[in-house]
Amino acid sequence: MANKVSPIPPGFHSLTVHMNVDGAAKYVDFLKAAFGAEEKHRSLGPGGKIMHATVKIGDSLLMLADDFSKEFGMPPFVTGNFPFVINLYVEDADAAWAKALAAGCEVKFPIADQFWGDRYGQVKDPAGFVWAISSAIEQVSPEELEARQAKAFGGGH
């Protein structure tokens, strides 16, 4: 009798980011230094490049691979202003912020207390990905959030 397999592997959530980066091994080292990542798995492909790696940051897994666009006849990587942000909730946003900057990130949006109740800021990593570093600092009701948002953007209803 076959063993019952969970459709979502242990440790994974329903949604998991899978990144492709040029220089995945170096990027894994960066993730360890910047965000305390723990490497869980690494499979090498042609030329010793990373075909697949999994790291754990906090309680979440992140998958990544090297750029194989030339080897597999795929379009080249897009670089620059990616249309998404990776949000990382942590216990201490200021400590995580300092660690990310020390590892080579640059400030994109300065860290500060935000009207929605988070200590929040954005950094851009050496591969060009933007990470939001956040810690919830207060519970804000929907009504208070609406009022604060209107005040933050200089308008009323």
C-alpha atoms as a PDB file:
ATOM      1  CA  MET A   1       0.000   0.000   0.000  1.00  0.00           C
ATOM      2  CA  ALA A   2       1.391   3.408  -0.989  1.00  0.00           C
ATOM      3  CA  ASN A   3       2.099   6.030   1.635  1.00  0.00           C
ATOM      4  CA  LYS A   4      -0.268   8.999   1.634  1.00  0.00           C
ATOM      5  CA  VAL A   5       1.641  12.081   0.473  1.00  0.00           C
ATOM      6  CA  SER A   6       0.649  15.574   1.556  1.00  0.00           C
ATOM      7  CA  PRO A   7      -0.042  17.761  -1.490  1.00  0.00           C
ATOM      8  CA  ILE A   8       1.943  20.552   0.219  1.00  0.00           C
ATOM      9  CA  PRO A   9       5.401  19.308   1.285  1.00  0.00           C
ATOM     10  CA  PRO A  10       6.383  19.700   4.948  1.00  0.00           C
ATOM     11  CA  GLY A  11       7.647  23.189   5.750  1.00  0.00           C
ATOM     12  CA  PHE A  12       6.085  24.818   2.695  1.00  0.00           C
ATOM     13  CA  HIS A  13       3.111  27.164   2.624  1.00  0.00           C
ATOM     14  CA  SER A  14       0.521  27.349  -0.166  1.00  0.00           C
ATOM     15  CA  LEU A  15       2.460  30.164  -1.810  1.00  0.00           C
ATOM     16  CA  THR A  16       6.254  30.012  -2.160  1.00  0.00           C
ATOM     17  CA  VAL A  17       8.463  32.394  -4.122  1.00  0.00           C
ATOM     18  CA  HIS A  18      10.858  30.724  -6.589  1.00  0.00           C
ATOM     19  CA  MET A  19      13.540  33.163  -7.774  1.00  0.00           C
ATOM     20  CA  ASN A  20      16.006  32.885 -10.610  1.00  0.00           C
ATOM     21  CA  VAL A  21      19.226  34.808 -10.054  1.00  0.00           C
ATOM     22  CA  ASP A  22      22.521  35.164 -11.830  1.00  0.00           C
ATOM     23  CA  GLY A  23      24.980  33.673  -9.332  1.00  0.00           C
ATOM     24  CA  ALA A  24      22.635  31.667  -7.099  1.00  0.00           C
ATOM     25  CA  ALA A  25      25.412  30.288  -4.844  1.00  0.00           C
ATOM     26  CA  LYS A  26      26.587  33.797  -4.032  1.00  0.00           C
ATOM     27  CA  TYR A  27      22.954  34.866  -3.537  1.00  0.00           C
ATOM     28  CA  VAL A  28      22.384  32.049  -1.018  1.00  0.00           C
ATOM     29  CA  ASP A  29      25.404  33.361   0.924  1.00  0.00           C
ATOM     30  CA  PHE A  30      23.918  36.859   0.756  1.00  0.00           C
ATOM     31  CA  LEU A  31      20.545  35.594   2.068  1.00  0.00           C
ATOM     32  CA  LYS A  32      22.346  33.963   5.004  1.00  0.00           C
ATOM     33  CA  ALA A  33      24.164  37.199   5.865  1.00  0.00           C
ATOM     34  CA  ALA A  34      21.253  39.589   5.272  1.00  0.00           C
ATOM     35  CA  PHE A  35      18.228  37.662   6.501  1.00  0.00           C
ATOM     36  CA  GLY A  36      19.579  34.747   8.532  1.00  0.00           C
ATOM     37  CA  ALA A  37      18.612  32.205   5.867  1.00  0.00           C
ATOM     38  CA  GLU A  38      19.273  28.542   6.535  1.00  0.00           C
ATOM     39  CA  GLU A  39      20.103  26.461   3.463  1.00  0.00           C
ATOM     40  CA  LYS A  40      17.884  23.369   3.340  1.00  0.00           C
ATOM     41  CA  HIS A  41      18.688  21.892  -0.096  1.00  0.00           C
ATOM     42  CA  ARG A  42      20.930  22.408  -3.122  1.00  0.00           C
ATOM     43  CA  SER A  43      20.974  20.508  -6.443  1.00  0.00           C
ATOM     44  CA  LEU A  44      23.613  21.314  -9.023  1.00  0.00           C
ATOM     45  CA  GLY A  45      23.025  21.325 -12.746  1.00  0.00           C
ATOM     46  CA  PRO A  46      25.164  21.849 -15.851  1.00  0.00           C
ATOM     47  CA  GLY A  47      28.474  23.586 -15.199  1.00  0.00           C
ATOM     48  CA  GLY A  48      28.015  23.400 -11.425  1.00  0.00           C
ATOM     49  CA  LYS A  49      25.259  26.001 -11.424  1.00  0.00           C
ATOM     50  CA  ILE A  50      22.443  25.698  -8.908  1.00  0.00           C
ATOM     51  CA  MET A  51      19.525  23.959 -10.596  1.00  0.00           C
ATOM     52  CA  HIS A  52      17.449  24.210  -7.428  1.00  0.00           C
ATOM     53  CA  ALA A  53      18.050  25.410  -3.888  1.00  0.00           C
ATOM     54  CA  THR A  54      15.760  25.921  -0.936  1.00  0.00           C
ATOM     55  CA  VAL A  55      16.488  28.237   1.978  1.00  0.00           C
ATOM     56  CA  LYS A  56      14.440  28.943   5.079  1.00  0.00           C
ATOM     57  CA  ILE A  57      13.979  32.507   6.294  1.00  0.00           C
ATOM     58  CA  GLY A  58      11.960  32.753   9.491  1.00  0.00           C
ATOM     59  CA  ASP A  59       9.122  30.261   9.098  1.00  0.00           C
ATOM     60  CA  SER A  60       9.055  30.386   5.281  1.00  0.00           C
ATOM     61  CA  LEU A  61      10.892  28.650   2.484  1.00  0.00           C
ATOM     62  CA  LEU A  62      12.293  30.377  -0.587  1.00  0.00           C
ATOM     63  CA  MET A  63      13.324  28.455  -3.699  1.00  0.00           C
ATOM     64  CA  LEU A  64      15.911  29.664  -6.167  1.00  0.00           C
ATOM     65  CA  ALA A  65      17.986  28.671  -9.162  1.00  0.00           C
ATOM     66  CA  ASP A  66      20.735  30.053 -11.342  1.00  0.00           C
ATOM     67  CA  ASP A  67      20.158  31.655 -14.720  1.00  0.00           C
ATOM     68  CA  PHE A  68      19.981  28.855 -17.278  1.00  0.00           C
ATOM     69  CA  SER A  69      18.578  31.007 -20.091  1.00  0.00           C
ATOM     70  CA  LYS A  70      21.516  30.300 -22.434  1.00  0.00           C
ATOM     71  CA  GLU A  71      21.658  26.569 -21.656  1.00  0.00           C
ATOM     72  CA  PHE A  72      17.938  26.055 -22.242  1.00  0.00           C
ATOM     73  CA  GLY A  73      17.338  28.623 -25.024  1.00  0.00           C
ATOM     74  CA  MET A  74      15.159  30.855 -22.872  1.00  0.00           C
ATOM     75  CA  PRO A  75      14.870  34.659 -23.012  1.00  0.00           C
ATOM     76  CA  PRO A  76      17.491  36.529 -20.976  1.00  0.00           C
ATOM     77  CA  PHE A  77      16.726  37.665 -17.448  1.00  0.00           C
ATOM     78  CA  VAL A  78      14.933  40.909 -16.858  1.00  0.00           C
ATOM     79  CA  THR A  79      16.833  43.202 -14.511  1.00  0.00           C
ATOM     80  CA  GLY A  80      16.020  46.482 -12.880  1.00  0.00           C
ATOM     81  CA  ASN A  81      12.718  47.590 -11.444  1.00  0.00           C
ATOM     82  CA  PHE A  82      10.863  44.346 -10.665  1.00  0.00           C
ATOM     83  CA  PRO A  83       7.081  44.752 -10.305  1.00  0.00           C
ATOM     84  CA  PHE A  84       6.898  43.146  -6.853  1.00  0.00           C
ATOM     85  CA  VAL A  85       8.258  43.441  -3.319  1.00  0.00           C
ATOM     86  CA  ILE A  86       9.131  40.553  -1.007  1.00  0.00           C
ATOM     87  CA  ASN A  87       7.706  41.352   2.437  1.00  0.00           C
ATOM     88  CA  LEU A  88       9.591  39.938   5.412  1.00  0.00           C
ATOM     89  CA  TYR A  89       7.941  40.134   8.837  1.00  0.00           C
ATOM     90  CA  VAL A  90      10.454  39.896  11.693  1.00  0.00           C
ATOM     91  CA  GLU A  91      10.512  40.323  15.468  1.00  0.00           C
ATOM     92  CA  ASP A  92      12.772  43.406  15.334  1.00  0.00           C
ATOM     93  CA  ALA A  93      12.580  45.412  12.111  1.00  0.00           C
ATOM     94  CA  ASP A  94      15.407  47.761  13.107  1.00  0.00           C
ATOM     95  CA  ALA A  95      17.837  44.921  13.842  1.00  0.00           C
ATOM     96  CA  ALA A  96      16.902  43.143  10.590  1.00  0.00           C
ATOM     97  CA  TRP A  97      17.251  46.450   8.733  1.00  0.00           C
ATOM     98  CA  ALA A  98      20.775  47.009  10.056  1.00  0.00           C
ATOM     99  CA  LYS A  99      21.769  43.424   9.193  1.00  0.00           C
ATOM    100  CA  ALA A 100      20.428  43.778   5.620  1.00  0.00           C
ATOM    101  CA  LEU A 101      22.311  47.037   5.075  1.00  0.00           C
ATOM    102  CA  ALA A 102      25.524  45.532   6.467  1.00  0.00           C
ATOM    103  CA  ALA A 103      25.151  42.615   4.021  1.00  0.00           C
ATOM    104  CA  GLY A 104      24.996  44.946   1.005  1.00  0.00           C
ATOM    105  CA  CYS A 105      21.415  46.139   0.632  1.00  0.00           C
ATOM    106  CA  GLU A 106      20.684  49.751  -0.206  1.00  0.00           C
ATOM    107  CA  VAL A 107      17.830  51.847   1.184  1.00  0.00           C
ATOM    108  CA  LYS A 108      14.883  52.205  -1.168  1.00  0.00           C
ATOM    109  CA  PHE A 109      12.259  53.430   1.345  1.00  0.00           C
ATOM    110  CA  PRO A 110      13.571  54.457   4.791  1.00  0.00           C
ATOM    111  CA  ILE A 111      12.373  52.445   7.769  1.00  0.00           C
ATOM    112  CA  ALA A 112       9.832  54.251   9.973  1.00  0.00           C
ATOM    113  CA  ASP A 113       6.609  53.740  11.892  1.00  0.00           C
ATOM    114  CA  GLN A 114       3.832  53.637   9.293  1.00  0.00           C
ATOM    115  CA  PHE A 115       0.185  54.696   9.555  1.00  0.00           C
ATOM    116  CA  TRP A 116      -1.048  51.132   9.009  1.00  0.00           C
ATOM    117  CA  GLY A 117       0.628  49.930  12.212  1.00  0.00           C
ATOM    118  CA  ASP A 118       3.957  48.482  11.042  1.00  0.00           C
ATOM    119  CA  ARG A 119       7.557  49.516  11.494  1.00  0.00           C
ATOM    120  CA  TYR A 120       8.385  49.245   7.783  1.00  0.00           C
ATOM    121  CA  GLY A 121      11.029  50.067   5.217  1.00  0.00           C
ATOM    122  CA  GLN A 122      12.320  48.759   1.900  1.00  0.00           C
ATOM    123  CA  VAL A 123      15.818  47.748   0.811  1.00  0.00           C
ATOM    124  CA  LYS A 124      17.122  46.681  -2.584  1.00  0.00           C
ATOM    125  CA  ASP A 125      19.454  43.692  -2.532  1.00  0.00           C
ATOM    126  CA  PRO A 126      22.546  43.219  -4.735  1.00  0.00           C
ATOM    127  CA  ALA A 127      20.523  41.132  -7.232  1.00  0.00           C
ATOM    128  CA  GLY A 128      17.992  43.955  -7.633  1.00  0.00           C
ATOM    129  CA  PHE A 129      15.137  42.460  -5.590  1.00  0.00           C
ATOM    130  CA  VAL A 130      13.281  44.764  -3.199  1.00  0.00           C
ATOM    131  CA  TRP A 131      12.604  43.472   0.320  1.00  0.00           C
ATOM    132  CA  ALA A 132      10.194  45.161   2.710  1.00  0.00           C
ATOM    133  CA  ILE A 133      11.275  44.632   6.296  1.00  0.00           C
ATOM    134  CA  SER A 134       8.352  44.854   8.717  1.00  0.00           C
ATOM    135  CA  SER A 135       7.324  44.400  12.326  1.00  0.00           C
ATOM    136  CA  ALA A 136       3.727  44.943  13.408  1.00  0.00           C
ATOM    137  CA  ILE A 137       3.794  47.510  16.207  1.00  0.00           C
ATOM    138  CA  GLU A 138       0.084  48.173  16.770  1.00  0.00           C
ATOM    139  CA  GLN A 139      -3.363  46.912  15.844  1.00  0.00           C
ATOM    140  CA  VAL A 140      -5.208  49.534  13.782  1.00  0.00           C
ATOM    141  CA  SER A 141      -8.972  49.308  13.326  1.00  0.00           C
ATOM    142  CA  PRO A 142     -10.354  49.674   9.786  1.00  0.00           C
ATOM    143  CA  GLU A 143     -11.874  53.059  10.720  1.00  0.00           C
ATOM    144  CA  GLU A 144      -8.620  54.353  12.209  1.00  0.00           C
ATOM    145  CA  LEU A 145      -6.672  53.048   9.215  1.00  0.00           C
ATOM    146  CA  GLU A 146      -8.968  54.956   6.858  1.00  0.00           C
ATOM    147  CA  ALA A 147      -8.578  58.169   8.883  1.00  0.00           C
ATOM    148  CA  ARG A 148      -4.786  57.811   9.076  1.00  0.00           C
ATOM    149  CA  GLN A 149      -4.545  57.075   5.369  1.00  0.00           C
ATOM    150  CA  ALA A 150      -6.565  60.176   4.505  1.00  0.00           C
ATOM    151  CA  LYS A 151      -4.327  62.284   6.767  1.00  0.00           C
ATOM    152  CA  ALA A 152      -1.133  60.729   5.339  1.00  0.00           C
ATOM    153  CA  PHE A 153      -2.164  61.541   1.791  1.00  0.00           C
ATOM    154  CA  GLY A 154      -3.432  65.024   2.605  1.00  0.00           C
ATOM    155  CA  GLY A 155      -7.074  64.502   1.903  1.00  0.00           C
ATOM    156  CA  GLY A 156     -10.410  63.648   3.305  1.00  0.00           C
ATOM    157  CA  HIS A 157     -13.042  61.278   2.085  1.00  0.00           C
END
